[in-house]
C-alpha atoms as a PDB file:
ATOM      1  CA  UNK A   1       9.917 -20.037  20.793  1.00  0.00           C
ATOM      2  CA  UNK A   2      13.286 -18.281  20.444  1.00  0.00           C
ATOM      3  CA  UNK A   3      11.701 -15.177  18.865  1.00  0.00           C
ATOM      4  CA  UNK A   4       8.522 -14.709  20.733  1.00  0.00           C
ATOM      5  CA  UNK A   5      10.186 -12.447  23.490  1.00  0.00           C
ATOM      6  CA  UNK A   6      11.495  -9.849  21.204  1.00  0.00           C
ATOM      7  CA  UNK A   7       8.125  -9.799  18.841  1.00  0.00           C
ATOM      8  CA  UNK A   8       6.130  -9.379  22.390  1.00  0.00           C
ATOM      9  CA  UNK A   9       8.254  -6.809  23.616  1.00  0.00           C
ATOM     10  CA  UNK A  10       7.993  -4.940  20.160  1.00  0.00           C
ATOM     11  CA  UNK A  11       4.246  -5.182  20.312  1.00  0.00           C
ATOM     12  CA  UNK A  12       3.965  -4.007  23.918  1.00  0.00           C
ATOM     13  CA  UNK A  13       6.460  -1.250  23.409  1.00  0.00           C
ATOM     14  CA  UNK A  14       4.350  -0.081  20.591  1.00  0.00           C
ATOM     15  CA  UNK A  15       1.108  -0.049  22.434  1.00  0.00           C
ATOM     16  CA  UNK A  16       2.332   1.159  25.938  1.00  0.00           C
ATOM     17  CA  UNK A  17       4.767   3.822  24.762  1.00  0.00           C
ATOM     18  CA  UNK A  18       4.208   4.513  21.009  1.00  0.00           C
ATOM     19  CA  UNK A  19       7.428   3.209  20.063  1.00  0.00           C
ATOM     20  CA  UNK A  20       6.554   2.542  16.522  1.00  0.00           C
ATOM     21  CA  UNK A  21       7.324   4.422  13.343  1.00  0.00           C
ATOM     22  CA  UNK A  22       6.321   5.117   9.764  1.00  0.00           C
ATOM     23  CA  UNK A  23       7.960   4.988   6.600  1.00  0.00           C
ATOM     24  CA  UNK A  24       6.793   6.079   3.242  1.00  0.00           C
ATOM     25  CA  UNK A  25       7.159   4.212  -0.121  1.00  0.00           C
ATOM     26  CA  UNK A  26       6.486   6.060  -3.322  1.00  0.00           C
ATOM     27  CA  UNK A  27       3.941   5.145  -5.730  1.00  0.00           C
ATOM     28  CA  UNK A  28       4.455   6.364  -9.221  1.00  0.00           C
ATOM     29  CA  UNK A  29       1.977   6.728 -12.353  1.00  0.00           C
ATOM     30  CA  UNK A  30       2.975   5.564 -15.650  1.00  0.00           C
ATOM     31  CA  UNK A  31       3.778   8.762 -16.668  1.00  0.00           C
ATOM     32  CA  UNK A  32       6.585   9.799 -14.208  1.00  0.00           C
ATOM     33  CA  UNK A  33       3.980  11.574 -11.879  1.00  0.00           C
ATOM     34  CA  UNK A  34       4.352  10.345  -8.122  1.00  0.00           C
ATOM     35  CA  UNK A  35       1.041   9.796  -7.208  1.00  0.00           C
ATOM     36  CA  UNK A  36       1.447   9.063  -3.209  1.00  0.00           C
ATOM     37  CA  UNK A  37       3.015   6.996  -0.666  1.00  0.00           C
ATOM     38  CA  UNK A  38       2.304   3.897   1.032  1.00  0.00           C
ATOM     39  CA  UNK A  39       2.796   4.067   4.706  1.00  0.00           C
ATOM     40  CA  UNK A  40       4.585   1.130   6.444  1.00  0.00           C
ATOM     41  CA  UNK A  41       4.755   0.591  10.014  1.00  0.00           C
ATOM     42  CA  UNK A  42       7.980  -0.003  11.879  1.00  0.00           C
ATOM     43  CA  UNK A  43       8.525  -1.633  15.217  1.00  0.00           C
ATOM     44  CA  UNK A  44      11.529  -1.430  18.111  1.00  0.00           C
ATOM     45  CA  UNK A  45      14.721  -3.731  17.470  1.00  0.00           C
ATOM     46  CA  UNK A  46      13.743  -4.255  13.677  1.00  0.00           C
ATOM     47  CA  UNK A  47      11.282  -6.664  14.329  1.00  0.00           C
ATOM     48  CA  UNK A  48       9.178  -8.146  11.471  1.00  0.00           C
ATOM     49  CA  UNK A  49       5.850  -6.159  11.078  1.00  0.00           C
ATOM     50  CA  UNK A  50       4.035  -9.280   9.913  1.00  0.00           C
ATOM     51  CA  UNK A  51       5.102 -11.246  12.752  1.00  0.00           C
ATOM     52  CA  UNK A  52       4.041  -8.034  15.273  1.00  0.00           C
ATOM     53  CA  UNK A  53       0.774  -8.028  13.547  1.00  0.00           C
ATOM     54  CA  UNK A  54       0.264 -12.005  13.837  1.00  0.00           C
ATOM     55  CA  UNK A  55       0.849 -11.541  17.537  1.00  0.00           C
ATOM     56  CA  UNK A  56      -1.538  -8.566  17.675  1.00  0.00           C
ATOM     57  CA  UNK A  57      -4.287 -10.795  16.300  1.00  0.00           C
ATOM     58  CA  UNK A  58      -3.692 -13.695  18.310  1.00  0.00           C
ATOM     59  CA  UNK A  59      -3.898 -11.585  21.343  1.00  0.00           C
ATOM     60  CA  UNK A  60      -6.891  -9.452  20.575  1.00  0.00           C
ATOM     61  CA  UNK A  61      -5.089  -6.468  20.202  1.00  0.00           C
ATOM     62  CA  UNK A  62      -5.245  -5.792  16.490  1.00  0.00           C
ATOM     63  CA  UNK A  63      -7.786  -3.311  16.573  1.00  0.00           C
ATOM     64  CA  UNK A  64      -5.767  -1.021  19.141  1.00  0.00           C
ATOM     65  CA  UNK A  65      -2.580  -1.462  17.068  1.00  0.00           C
ATOM     66  CA  UNK A  66      -4.502  -0.641  13.709  1.00  0.00           C
ATOM     67  CA  UNK A  67      -5.502   2.849  15.496  1.00  0.00           C
ATOM     68  CA  UNK A  68      -2.403   3.631  16.615  1.00  0.00           C
ATOM     69  CA  UNK A  69      -0.312   2.755  13.353  1.00  0.00           C
ATOM     70  CA  UNK A  70      -2.869   4.625  11.641  1.00  0.00           C
ATOM     71  CA  UNK A  71      -2.738   7.779  13.531  1.00  0.00           C
ATOM     72  CA  UNK A  72       1.103   7.951  13.564  1.00  0.00           C
ATOM     73  CA  UNK A  73       1.110   7.445   9.850  1.00  0.00           C
ATOM     74  CA  UNK A  74      -1.190  10.550   9.068  1.00  0.00           C
ATOM     75  CA  UNK A  75       0.848  12.656  11.838  1.00  0.00           C
ATOM     76  CA  UNK A  76       3.945  11.666  10.246  1.00  0.00           C
ATOM     77  CA  UNK A  77       2.873  12.397   6.638  1.00  0.00           C
ATOM     78  CA  UNK A  78       1.979  15.862   7.196  1.00  0.00           C
ATOM     79  CA  UNK A  79       5.061  17.295   5.087  1.00  0.00           C
ATOM     80  CA  UNK A  80       4.895  15.238   1.772  1.00  0.00           C
ATOM     81  CA  UNK A  81       2.467  15.601  -0.894  1.00  0.00           C
ATOM     82  CA  UNK A  82       0.226  13.078  -2.630  1.00  0.00           C
ATOM     83  CA  UNK A  83      -2.092  10.781  -1.833  1.00  0.00           C
ATOM     84  CA  UNK A  84      -1.432   8.541   1.221  1.00  0.00           C
ATOM     85  CA  UNK A  85      -1.985   4.608   0.793  1.00  0.00           C
ATOM     86  CA  UNK A  86      -2.950   3.525   4.642  1.00  0.00           C
ATOM     87  CA  UNK A  87      -3.148  -0.538   5.402  1.00  0.00           C
ATOM     88  CA  UNK A  88      -6.352  -1.589   6.999  1.00  0.00           C
ATOM     89  CA  UNK A  89      -7.443  -4.609   8.597  1.00  0.00           C
ATOM     90  CA  UNK A  90     -11.085  -5.856   6.996  1.00  0.00           C
ATOM     91  CA  UNK A  91     -12.754  -4.889  10.412  1.00  0.00           C
ATOM     92  CA  UNK A  92     -11.269  -1.447  10.498  1.00  0.00           C
ATOM     93  CA  UNK A  93     -13.569  -0.650   7.923  1.00  0.00           C
ATOM     94  CA  UNK A  94     -16.518  -1.121  10.607  1.00  0.00           C
ATOM     95  CA  UNK A  95     -15.098   2.100  12.028  1.00  0.00           C
ATOM     96  CA  UNK A  96     -16.163   4.408   9.417  1.00  0.00           C
ATOM     97  CA  UNK A  97     -16.384   7.671  11.622  1.00  0.00           C
ATOM     98  CA  UNK A  98     -12.576   6.952  12.946  1.00  0.00           C
ATOM     99  CA  UNK A  99     -11.165   6.353   9.340  1.00  0.00           C
ATOM    100  CA  UNK A 100     -12.997   9.523   7.889  1.00  0.00           C
ATOM    101  CA  UNK A 101     -11.424  11.830  10.678  1.00  0.00           C
ATOM    102  CA  UNK A 102      -7.960  10.810   9.595  1.00  0.00           C
ATOM    103  CA  UNK A 103      -8.008  13.001   6.513  1.00  0.00           C
ATOM    104  CA  UNK A 104     -10.397  13.714   3.556  1.00  0.00           C
ATOM    105  CA  UNK A 105     -11.080  11.699   0.397  1.00  0.00           C
ATOM    106  CA  UNK A 106      -8.544  13.497  -2.071  1.00  0.00           C
ATOM    107  CA  UNK A 107      -5.724  12.694   0.255  1.00  0.00           C
ATOM    108  CA  UNK A 108      -6.529   9.066   1.583  1.00  0.00           C
ATOM    109  CA  UNK A 109      -6.487   5.550  -0.155  1.00  0.00           C
ATOM    110  CA  UNK A 110      -7.675   3.011   2.243  1.00  0.00           C
ATOM    111  CA  UNK A 111      -5.647  -0.135   1.418  1.00  0.00           C
ATOM    112  CA  UNK A 112      -7.579  -3.697   2.259  1.00  0.00           C
ATOM    113  CA  UNK A 113      -4.693  -5.958   3.528  1.00  0.00           C
ATOM    114  CA  UNK A 114      -4.766  -9.568   2.641  1.00  0.00           C
ATOM    115  CA  UNK A 115      -6.777 -11.298   5.409  1.00  0.00           C
ATOM    116  CA  UNK A 116      -9.197 -14.702   5.387  1.00  0.00           C
ATOM    117  CA  UNK A 117     -11.845 -12.878   7.338  1.00  0.00           C
ATOM    118  CA  UNK A 118     -14.191 -10.330   5.618  1.00  0.00           C
ATOM    119  CA  UNK A 119     -17.599 -10.218   6.808  1.00  0.00           C
ATOM    120  CA  UNK A 120     -20.556  -8.154   5.796  1.00  0.00           C
ATOM    121  CA  UNK A 121     -20.204  -5.502   8.179  1.00  0.00           C
ATOM    122  CA  UNK A 122     -16.794  -4.736   6.916  1.00  0.00           C
ATOM    123  CA  UNK A 123     -18.190  -4.617   3.333  1.00  0.00           C
ATOM    124  CA  UNK A 124     -20.905  -2.357   4.779  1.00  0.00           C
ATOM    125  CA  UNK A 125     -18.527   0.053   5.929  1.00  0.00           C
ATOM    126  CA  UNK A 126     -16.286  -0.038   3.119  1.00  0.00           C
ATOM    127  CA  UNK A 127     -19.337   0.608   0.861  1.00  0.00           C
ATOM    128  CA  UNK A 128     -19.843   4.017   3.174  1.00  0.00           C
ATOM    129  CA  UNK A 129     -16.114   5.018   2.778  1.00  0.00           C
ATOM    130  CA  UNK A 130     -16.741   4.870  -1.433  1.00  0.00           C
ATOM    131  CA  UNK A 131     -19.957   6.631  -0.867  1.00  0.00           C
ATOM    132  CA  UNK A 132     -18.123   9.281   0.505  1.00  0.00           C
ATOM    133  CA  UNK A 133     -15.592   9.688  -2.192  1.00  0.00           C
ATOM    134  CA  UNK A 134     -12.792   7.362  -0.717  1.00  0.00           C
ATOM    135  CA  UNK A 135     -10.943   5.045  -2.913  1.00  0.00           C
ATOM    136  CA  UNK A 136     -10.465   1.574  -1.723  1.00  0.00           C
ATOM    137  CA  UNK A 137      -7.130  -0.311  -3.007  1.00  0.00           C
ATOM    138  CA  UNK A 138      -7.237  -4.174  -2.853  1.00  0.00           C
ATOM    139  CA  UNK A 139      -3.535  -5.044  -1.767  1.00  0.00           C
ATOM    140  CA  UNK A 140      -1.404  -8.382  -2.847  1.00  0.00           C
ATOM    141  CA  UNK A 141      -3.723  -8.944  -5.659  1.00  0.00           C
ATOM    142  CA  UNK A 142      -3.254 -12.501  -6.544  1.00  0.00           C
ATOM    143  CA  UNK A 143      -1.843 -13.690  -3.197  1.00  0.00           C
ATOM    144  CA  UNK A 144      -3.252 -15.734  -0.655  1.00  0.00           C
ATOM    145  CA  UNK A 145      -6.820 -14.491   0.167  1.00  0.00           C
ATOM    146  CA  UNK A 146      -6.765 -11.763  -2.388  1.00  0.00           C
ATOM    147  CA  UNK A 147      -8.100 -13.662  -5.251  1.00  0.00           C
ATOM    148  CA  UNK A 148     -10.369 -13.029  -8.396  1.00  0.00           C
ATOM    149  CA  UNK A 149     -13.529 -13.856  -6.094  1.00  0.00           C
ATOM    150  CA  UNK A 150     -12.635 -11.656  -3.653  1.00  0.00           C
ATOM    151  CA  UNK A 151     -12.408  -8.730  -6.151  1.00  0.00           C
ATOM    152  CA  UNK A 152     -15.829  -9.241  -7.284  1.00  0.00           C
ATOM    153  CA  UNK A 153     -16.725  -8.807  -3.663  1.00  0.00           C
ATOM    154  CA  UNK A 154     -14.728  -5.951  -2.923  1.00  0.00           C
ATOM    155  CA  UNK A 155     -15.203  -4.021  -5.927  1.00  0.00           C
ATOM    156  CA  UNK A 156     -12.347  -1.694  -5.185  1.00  0.00           C
ATOM    157  CA  UNK A 157     -10.813   1.608  -6.899  1.00  0.00           C
ATOM    158  CA  UNK A 158      -7.333   0.147  -7.133  1.00  0.00           C
ATOM    159  CA  UNK A 159      -5.862  -3.210  -7.612  1.00  0.00           C
ATOM    160  CA  UNK A 160      -2.404  -3.692  -6.103  1.00  0.00           C
ATOM    161  CA  UNK A 161      -0.907  -6.587  -8.088  1.00  0.00           C
ATOM    162  CA  UNK A 162       1.590  -8.676  -5.561  1.00  0.00           C
ATOM    163  CA  UNK A 163       5.563  -8.732  -6.330  1.00  0.00           C
ATOM    164  CA  UNK A 164       5.302 -12.704  -7.094  1.00  0.00           C
ATOM    165  CA  UNK A 165       3.247 -12.042  -9.828  1.00  0.00           C
ATOM    166  CA  UNK A 166       5.095  -9.323 -11.089  1.00  0.00           C
ATOM    167  CA  UNK A 167       8.354 -11.263 -10.912  1.00  0.00           C
ATOM    168  CA  UNK A 168       6.455 -14.386 -12.583  1.00  0.00           C
ATOM    169  CA  UNK A 169       5.740 -11.750 -15.429  1.00  0.00           C
ATOM    170  CA  UNK A 170       9.294 -10.454 -15.655  1.00  0.00           C
ATOM    171  CA  UNK A 171      10.760 -14.266 -16.200  1.00  0.00           C
ATOM    172  CA  UNK A 172       8.017 -14.633 -19.179  1.00  0.00           C
ATOM    173  CA  UNK A 173       5.120 -16.022 -17.100  1.00  0.00           C
ATOM    174  CA  UNK A 174       2.696 -13.195 -18.695  1.00  0.00           C
ATOM    175  CA  UNK A 175      -0.771 -14.708 -18.237  1.00  0.00           C
ATOM    176  CA  UNK A 176      -1.377 -14.238 -14.341  1.00  0.00           C
ATOM    177  CA  UNK A 177      -0.898 -10.775 -14.575  1.00  0.00           C
ATOM    178  CA  UNK A 178      -2.559 -10.377 -17.530  1.00  0.00           C
ATOM    179  CA  UNK A 179      -5.858 -11.752 -16.111  1.00  0.00           C
ATOM    180  CA  UNK A 180      -5.451  -9.323 -13.069  1.00  0.00           C
ATOM    181  CA  UNK A 181      -5.061  -6.267 -15.399  1.00  0.00           C
ATOM    182  CA  UNK A 182      -8.310  -7.553 -17.383  1.00  0.00           C
ATOM    183  CA  UNK A 183     -10.288  -8.494 -14.314  1.00  0.00           C
ATOM    184  CA  UNK A 184      -9.709  -4.760 -12.909  1.00  0.00           C
ATOM    185  CA  UNK A 185     -10.348  -3.113 -16.208  1.00  0.00           C
ATOM    186  CA  UNK A 186     -13.558  -4.759 -16.025  1.00  0.00           C
ATOM    187  CA  UNK A 187     -14.772  -3.222 -13.180  1.00  0.00           C
ATOM    188  CA  UNK A 188     -12.979   0.177 -13.747  1.00  0.00           C
ATOM    189  CA  UNK A 189     -10.309  -0.085 -11.139  1.00  0.00           C
ATOM    190  CA  UNK A 190      -6.687   1.175 -11.364  1.00  0.00           C
ATOM    191  CA  UNK A 191      -3.956  -1.450 -11.729  1.00  0.00           C
ATOM    192  CA  UNK A 192      -0.672  -0.843  -9.538  1.00  0.00           C
ATOM    193  CA  UNK A 193       2.220  -3.037  -9.754  1.00  0.00           C
ATOM    194  CA  UNK A 194       4.024  -3.820  -6.511  1.00  0.00           C
ATOM    195  CA  UNK A 195       7.801  -5.035  -6.281  1.00  0.00           C
ATOM    196  CA  UNK A 196       9.124  -3.473  -9.563  1.00  0.00           C
ATOM    197  CA  UNK A 197      12.669  -4.021  -8.589  1.00  0.00           C
ATOM    198  CA  UNK A 198      14.326  -3.048 -11.983  1.00  0.00           C
ATOM    199  CA  UNK A 199      13.862   0.015 -13.830  1.00  0.00           C
ATOM    200  CA  UNK A 200      13.876  -1.802 -17.298  1.00  0.00           C
ATOM    201  CA  UNK A 201      10.210  -3.298 -16.457  1.00  0.00           C
ATOM    202  CA  UNK A 202       8.496  -0.065 -16.078  1.00  0.00           C
ATOM    203  CA  UNK A 203       7.749   0.494 -19.674  1.00  0.00           C
ATOM    204  CA  UNK A 204       6.956  -3.004 -20.620  1.00  0.00           C
ATOM    205  CA  UNK A 205       4.357  -3.188 -17.619  1.00  0.00           C
ATOM    206  CA  UNK A 206       2.698   0.297 -18.755  1.00  0.00           C
ATOM    207  CA  UNK A 207       2.308  -1.377 -22.282  1.00  0.00           C
ATOM    208  CA  UNK A 208       0.537  -4.487 -20.242  1.00  0.00           C
ATOM    209  CA  UNK A 209      -2.147  -1.884 -18.864  1.00  0.00           C
ATOM    210  CA  UNK A 210      -0.621  -1.361 -15.397  1.00  0.00           C
ATOM    211  CA  UNK A 211      -1.256   2.431 -14.735  1.00  0.00           C
ATOM    212  CA  UNK A 212       1.302   2.780 -11.789  1.00  0.00           C
ATOM    213  CA  UNK A 213       4.084   1.041 -10.040  1.00  0.00           C
ATOM    214  CA  UNK A 214       5.797   0.560  -6.605  1.00  0.00           C
ATOM    215  CA  UNK A 215       9.053  -1.093  -5.916  1.00  0.00           C
ATOM    216  CA  UNK A 216      12.718  -0.580  -5.053  1.00  0.00           C
ATOM    217  CA  UNK A 217      13.556   0.495  -8.314  1.00  0.00           C
ATOM    218  CA  UNK A 218      11.455   3.340  -7.945  1.00  0.00           C
ATOM    219  CA  UNK A 219      12.189   4.214  -4.124  1.00  0.00           C
ATOM    220  CA  UNK A 220      12.363   2.298  -0.999  1.00  0.00           C
ATOM    221  CA  UNK A 221      10.543   2.892   2.126  1.00  0.00           C
ATOM    222  CA  UNK A 222      12.059   5.901   3.803  1.00  0.00           C
ATOM    223  CA  UNK A 223      10.935   8.365   6.770  1.00  0.00           C
ATOM    224  CA  UNK A 224       8.709  11.494   5.338  1.00  0.00           C
ATOM    225  CA  UNK A 225      11.799  13.894   5.846  1.00  0.00           C
ATOM    226  CA  UNK A 226      13.670  12.345   2.970  1.00  0.00           C
ATOM    227  CA  UNK A 227      10.956  12.656   0.310  1.00  0.00           C
ATOM    228  CA  UNK A 228       9.783  16.136   1.213  1.00  0.00           C
ATOM    229  CA  UNK A 229      12.294  17.974  -1.117  1.00  0.00           C
ATOM    230  CA  UNK A 230      13.716  15.167  -2.964  1.00  0.00           C
ATOM    231  CA  UNK A 231      10.377  14.492  -5.009  1.00  0.00           C
ATOM    232  CA  UNK A 232      10.746  18.124  -6.398  1.00  0.00           C
ATOM    233  CA  UNK A 233      14.681  18.351  -6.645  1.00  0.00           C
ATOM    234  CA  UNK A 234      15.636  15.056  -7.767  1.00  0.00           C
ATOM    235  CA  UNK A 235      12.963  13.067  -9.204  1.00  0.00           C
ATOM    236  CA  UNK A 236      10.575  15.486 -11.158  1.00  0.00           C
ATOM    237  CA  UNK A 237      10.700  15.681 -14.882  1.00  0.00           C
ATOM    238  CA  UNK A 238      12.122  19.264 -14.648  1.00  0.00           C
ATOM    239  CA  UNK A 239      14.811  18.666 -12.354  1.00  0.00           C
ATOM    240  CA  UNK A 240      17.706  18.798 -14.650  1.00  0.00           C
ATOM    241  CA  UNK A 241      19.385  15.780 -13.892  1.00  0.00           C
ATOM    242  CA  UNK A 242      16.646  13.274 -15.345  1.00  0.00           C
ATOM    243  CA  UNK A 243      16.169  11.107 -12.170  1.00  0.00           C
ATOM    244  CA  UNK A 244      12.666   9.041 -12.352  1.00  0.00           C
ATOM    245  CA  UNK A 245      11.461  10.614 -15.131  1.00  0.00           C
ATOM    246  CA  UNK A 246      14.333   8.835 -17.291  1.00  0.00           C
ATOM    247  CA  UNK A 247      13.025   5.388 -16.222  1.00  0.00           C
ATOM    248  CA  UNK A 248       9.275   6.028 -17.666  1.00  0.00           C
ATOM    249  CA  UNK A 249      10.688   7.936 -20.891  1.00  0.00           C
ATOM    250  CA  UNK A 250      10.362   5.804 -24.083  1.00  0.00           C
ATOM    251  CA  UNK A 251      13.317   5.246 -25.806  1.00  0.00           C
END
């Protein structure tokens, strides 16, 4: 296992020395307004986050890593405006009080990561958070375990359609995306398209019923300080230079 040592090092460095950082990727409403940012953890030596999390699960350290990543994300995000989308594994929903003290419902969206485990206690905690006013987003919809059946179980406030479905839609395979949009509309959930890699997709996606979007065409993951002034100075409709508003404008 040639890559096991650097991944193990990254996990240990994060847990023992708090050596992880957070970057933020913007999420835009279809009207060109910045809704908020998804917080994404980064580990030492460029270690792939998915690999570090997978090792943490295998070693029984996922809960510890979850707590640390969430805490660092909230601390790092203080200067940026809008909602903060925080990724949480299903078991995190059993720690309602810990999650609630990280921020108020107007600021935090809990993003349920794709996972094979989702038990009754997880759903119970999720419902408690919704009852307190928090929004729940179902991540990676259409991929892996994030199925239409899980949509009915979770009853999220927001559905984030996974990148492969958006790419398929861009190639003309529109049915899968439309199924998810219709299913989300049925339960009154907001639809976010992930993986929007070309600006020319924005208006047609909005016409499909997508209400918000995220992807490199609209801004990649960057540190908080990158976004503090940039949203207002370069991306707002009043910036004078067009910026993001020109992408969302109908010709």
